Amino acid sequence: MKPQHNNPSNITEHTVETQRDDTTCRTEHSTNMDARTRHHGYAKDKKRLITRMRRIEGQVHAITRMIETDTYCIDILTQISASNSALKSVALLLLEDHLDTCVASAAAEGGPVADEKMDEAIAAITRLVKS
C-alpha cells in the first residue's frame, strides 16, 4: 500500500470512489490539478502477482550469480530475456485489471475522471509498447 501524501493546507481535495466487482478504484483530485491516484483493481490477482514477482526476483538473483561465476554470455542473455518476458507478463496482467476496473468505472462515470483515466491508460500502454 502506498503511503498517503501530505496535503498543504492551501489545497482542498475531494475523493471519488467507484465500486466494481468487489474492487475499489480511488482517485483523489486537488484544486491545483495535482492528481494523486491509487489503484486497487489488481486485488483479485494480488497473490498471483506477488508469486510471479517473487519468481522474477529469483531469476534476477540467479543472473547475478551467473555473472559472478563467469557463466557464458549467451546463457546470461537468455536468462535476462526470460526475466524481461516475465515482467511484461506481470505488467499486462496489471494493465488488464486496471482497464477492467478503474478505467471501466471511470468511463461509466464520465466527465474529467474518465478523461484522466483514459489518458493514464494510454500513457501506460505506450510505455509498455516502447519497452
Protein backbone atom coordinates (compact mmCIF):
# COMPACT_ATOMS: atom_id res chain seq x y z
CA MET A 1 0.00 0.00 0.00
CA LYS A 2 1.31 3.44 -0.89
CA PRO A 3 1.75 5.95 1.91
CA GLN A 4 -0.69 8.82 1.81
CA HIS A 5 0.70 12.09 0.59
CA ASN A 6 0.74 15.20 2.75
CA ASN A 7 -1.60 17.86 1.57
CA PRO A 8 -0.59 21.52 2.03
CA SER A 9 -3.34 23.47 3.75
CA ASN A 10 -3.98 25.67 0.71
CA ILE A 11 -5.10 22.70 -1.41
CA THR A 12 -8.53 21.20 -0.99
CA GLU A 13 -9.24 17.68 -2.16
CA HIS A 14 -12.22 15.56 -2.88
CA THR A 15 -12.20 11.84 -3.35
CA VAL A 16 -14.11 9.87 -5.94
CA GLU A 17 -14.56 6.19 -5.24
CA THR A 18 -16.09 3.74 -7.63
CA GLN A 19 -17.03 0.15 -6.87
CA ARG A 20 -17.00 -2.64 -9.43
CA ASP A 21 -16.68 -6.40 -8.95
CA ASP A 22 -15.67 -6.06 -5.27
CA THR A 23 -12.71 -3.89 -6.28
CA THR A 24 -12.25 -0.27 -5.34
CA CYS A 25 -10.61 2.31 -7.54
CA ARG A 26 -9.90 5.57 -5.84
CA THR A 27 -8.84 8.87 -7.30
CA GLU A 28 -8.04 11.91 -5.21
CA HIS A 29 -8.25 15.22 -7.04
CA SER A 30 -6.90 18.51 -5.77
CA THR A 31 -7.75 22.01 -6.83
CA ASN A 32 -4.23 22.67 -8.09
CA MET A 33 -4.64 19.87 -10.68
CA ASP A 34 -2.04 17.72 -8.88
CA ALA A 35 -3.95 14.42 -9.11
CA ARG A 36 -2.82 11.52 -6.95
CA THR A 37 -4.13 8.13 -7.91
CA ARG A 38 -4.22 4.85 -6.05
CA HIS A 39 -5.46 1.78 -7.90
CA HIS A 40 -6.76 -1.34 -6.29
CA GLY A 41 -8.00 -3.01 -9.45
CA TYR A 42 -5.47 -5.82 -9.12
CA ALA A 43 -6.85 -7.00 -5.75
CA LYS A 44 -8.29 -10.22 -7.21
CA ASP A 45 -4.89 -11.12 -8.71
CA LYS A 46 -2.70 -9.87 -5.87
CA LYS A 47 -1.49 -13.31 -4.71
CA ARG A 48 -0.75 -14.35 -8.28
CA LEU A 49 1.15 -11.12 -8.93
CA ILE A 50 3.20 -11.50 -5.76
CA THR A 51 4.05 -15.10 -6.65
CA ARG A 52 5.17 -14.06 -10.13
CA MET A 53 7.24 -11.17 -8.78
CA ARG A 54 8.99 -13.44 -6.28
CA ARG A 55 9.80 -15.84 -9.10
CA ILE A 56 11.22 -12.93 -11.12
CA GLU A 57 13.29 -11.84 -8.11
CA GLY A 58 14.75 -15.34 -8.04
CA GLN A 59 15.54 -15.17 -11.76
CA VAL A 60 17.30 -11.82 -11.36
CA HIS A 61 19.27 -13.09 -8.38
CA ALA A 62 20.29 -16.12 -10.45
CA ILE A 63 21.53 -13.80 -13.22
CA THR A 64 23.75 -12.04 -10.69
CA ARG A 65 25.15 -15.41 -9.61
CA MET A 66 25.73 -16.34 -13.26
CA ILE A 67 27.81 -13.20 -13.75
CA GLU A 68 29.70 -13.80 -10.51
CA THR A 69 30.58 -17.32 -11.65
CA ASP A 70 31.64 -16.25 -15.16
CA THR A 71 28.81 -18.02 -16.97
CA TYR A 72 28.79 -17.91 -20.77
CA CYS A 73 27.41 -14.60 -22.09
CA ILE A 74 24.64 -16.11 -24.22
CA ASP A 75 23.32 -18.10 -21.26
CA ILE A 76 23.11 -14.90 -19.20
CA LEU A 77 21.38 -13.06 -22.04
CA THR A 78 18.87 -15.89 -22.33
CA GLN A 79 18.01 -15.54 -18.63
CA ILE A 80 17.73 -11.75 -18.96
CA SER A 81 15.31 -12.24 -21.84
CA ALA A 82 13.24 -14.66 -19.77
CA SER A 83 13.13 -12.19 -16.88
CA ASN A 84 12.06 -9.36 -19.19
CA SER A 85 9.30 -11.57 -20.60
CA ALA A 86 8.10 -12.45 -17.11
CA LEU A 87 7.98 -8.77 -16.13
CA LYS A 88 5.97 -7.93 -19.24
CA SER A 89 3.54 -10.69 -18.33
CA VAL A 90 3.03 -9.10 -14.89
CA ALA A 91 2.62 -5.68 -16.50
CA LEU A 92 -0.03 -6.96 -18.89
CA LEU A 93 -1.99 -8.58 -16.07
CA LEU A 94 -1.88 -5.33 -14.09
CA LEU A 95 -2.96 -3.38 -17.16
CA GLU A 96 -5.84 -5.75 -17.82
CA ASP A 97 -7.04 -5.44 -14.22
CA HIS A 98 -6.72 -1.65 -14.38
CA LEU A 99 -8.74 -1.45 -17.60
CA ASP A 100 -11.41 -3.85 -16.30
CA THR A 101 -11.91 -1.99 -13.04
CA CYS A 102 -10.58 1.55 -12.72
CA VAL A 103 -10.90 2.67 -16.33
CA ALA A 104 -14.26 0.96 -16.88
CA SER A 105 -15.68 2.51 -13.69
CA ALA A 106 -14.39 5.96 -14.62
CA ALA A 107 -15.79 5.61 -18.15
CA ALA A 108 -19.19 4.74 -16.71
CA GLU A 109 -18.99 7.84 -14.51
CA GLY A 110 -17.89 10.06 -17.40
CA GLY A 111 -16.51 13.58 -17.18
CA PRO A 112 -12.97 14.62 -16.26
CA VAL A 113 -12.34 11.47 -14.21
CA ALA A 114 -12.96 9.32 -17.30
CA ASP A 115 -10.70 11.52 -19.42
CA GLU A 116 -7.94 11.33 -16.81
CA LYS A 117 -8.15 7.53 -16.56
CA MET A 118 -8.13 7.13 -20.33
CA ASP A 119 -5.08 9.39 -20.69
CA GLU A 120 -3.35 7.49 -17.91
CA ALA A 121 -4.11 4.12 -19.54
CA ILE A 122 -2.90 5.34 -22.95
CA ALA A 123 0.36 6.55 -21.39
CA ALA A 124 0.87 3.20 -19.63
CA ILE A 125 0.21 1.24 -22.82
CA THR A 126 2.63 3.50 -24.71
CA ARG A 127 5.35 2.83 -22.12
CA LEU A 128 4.77 -0.93 -22.35
CA VAL A 129 4.90 -0.93 -26.12
CA LYS A 130 8.16 1.06 -26.11
CA SER A 131 9.85 -1.23 -23.59
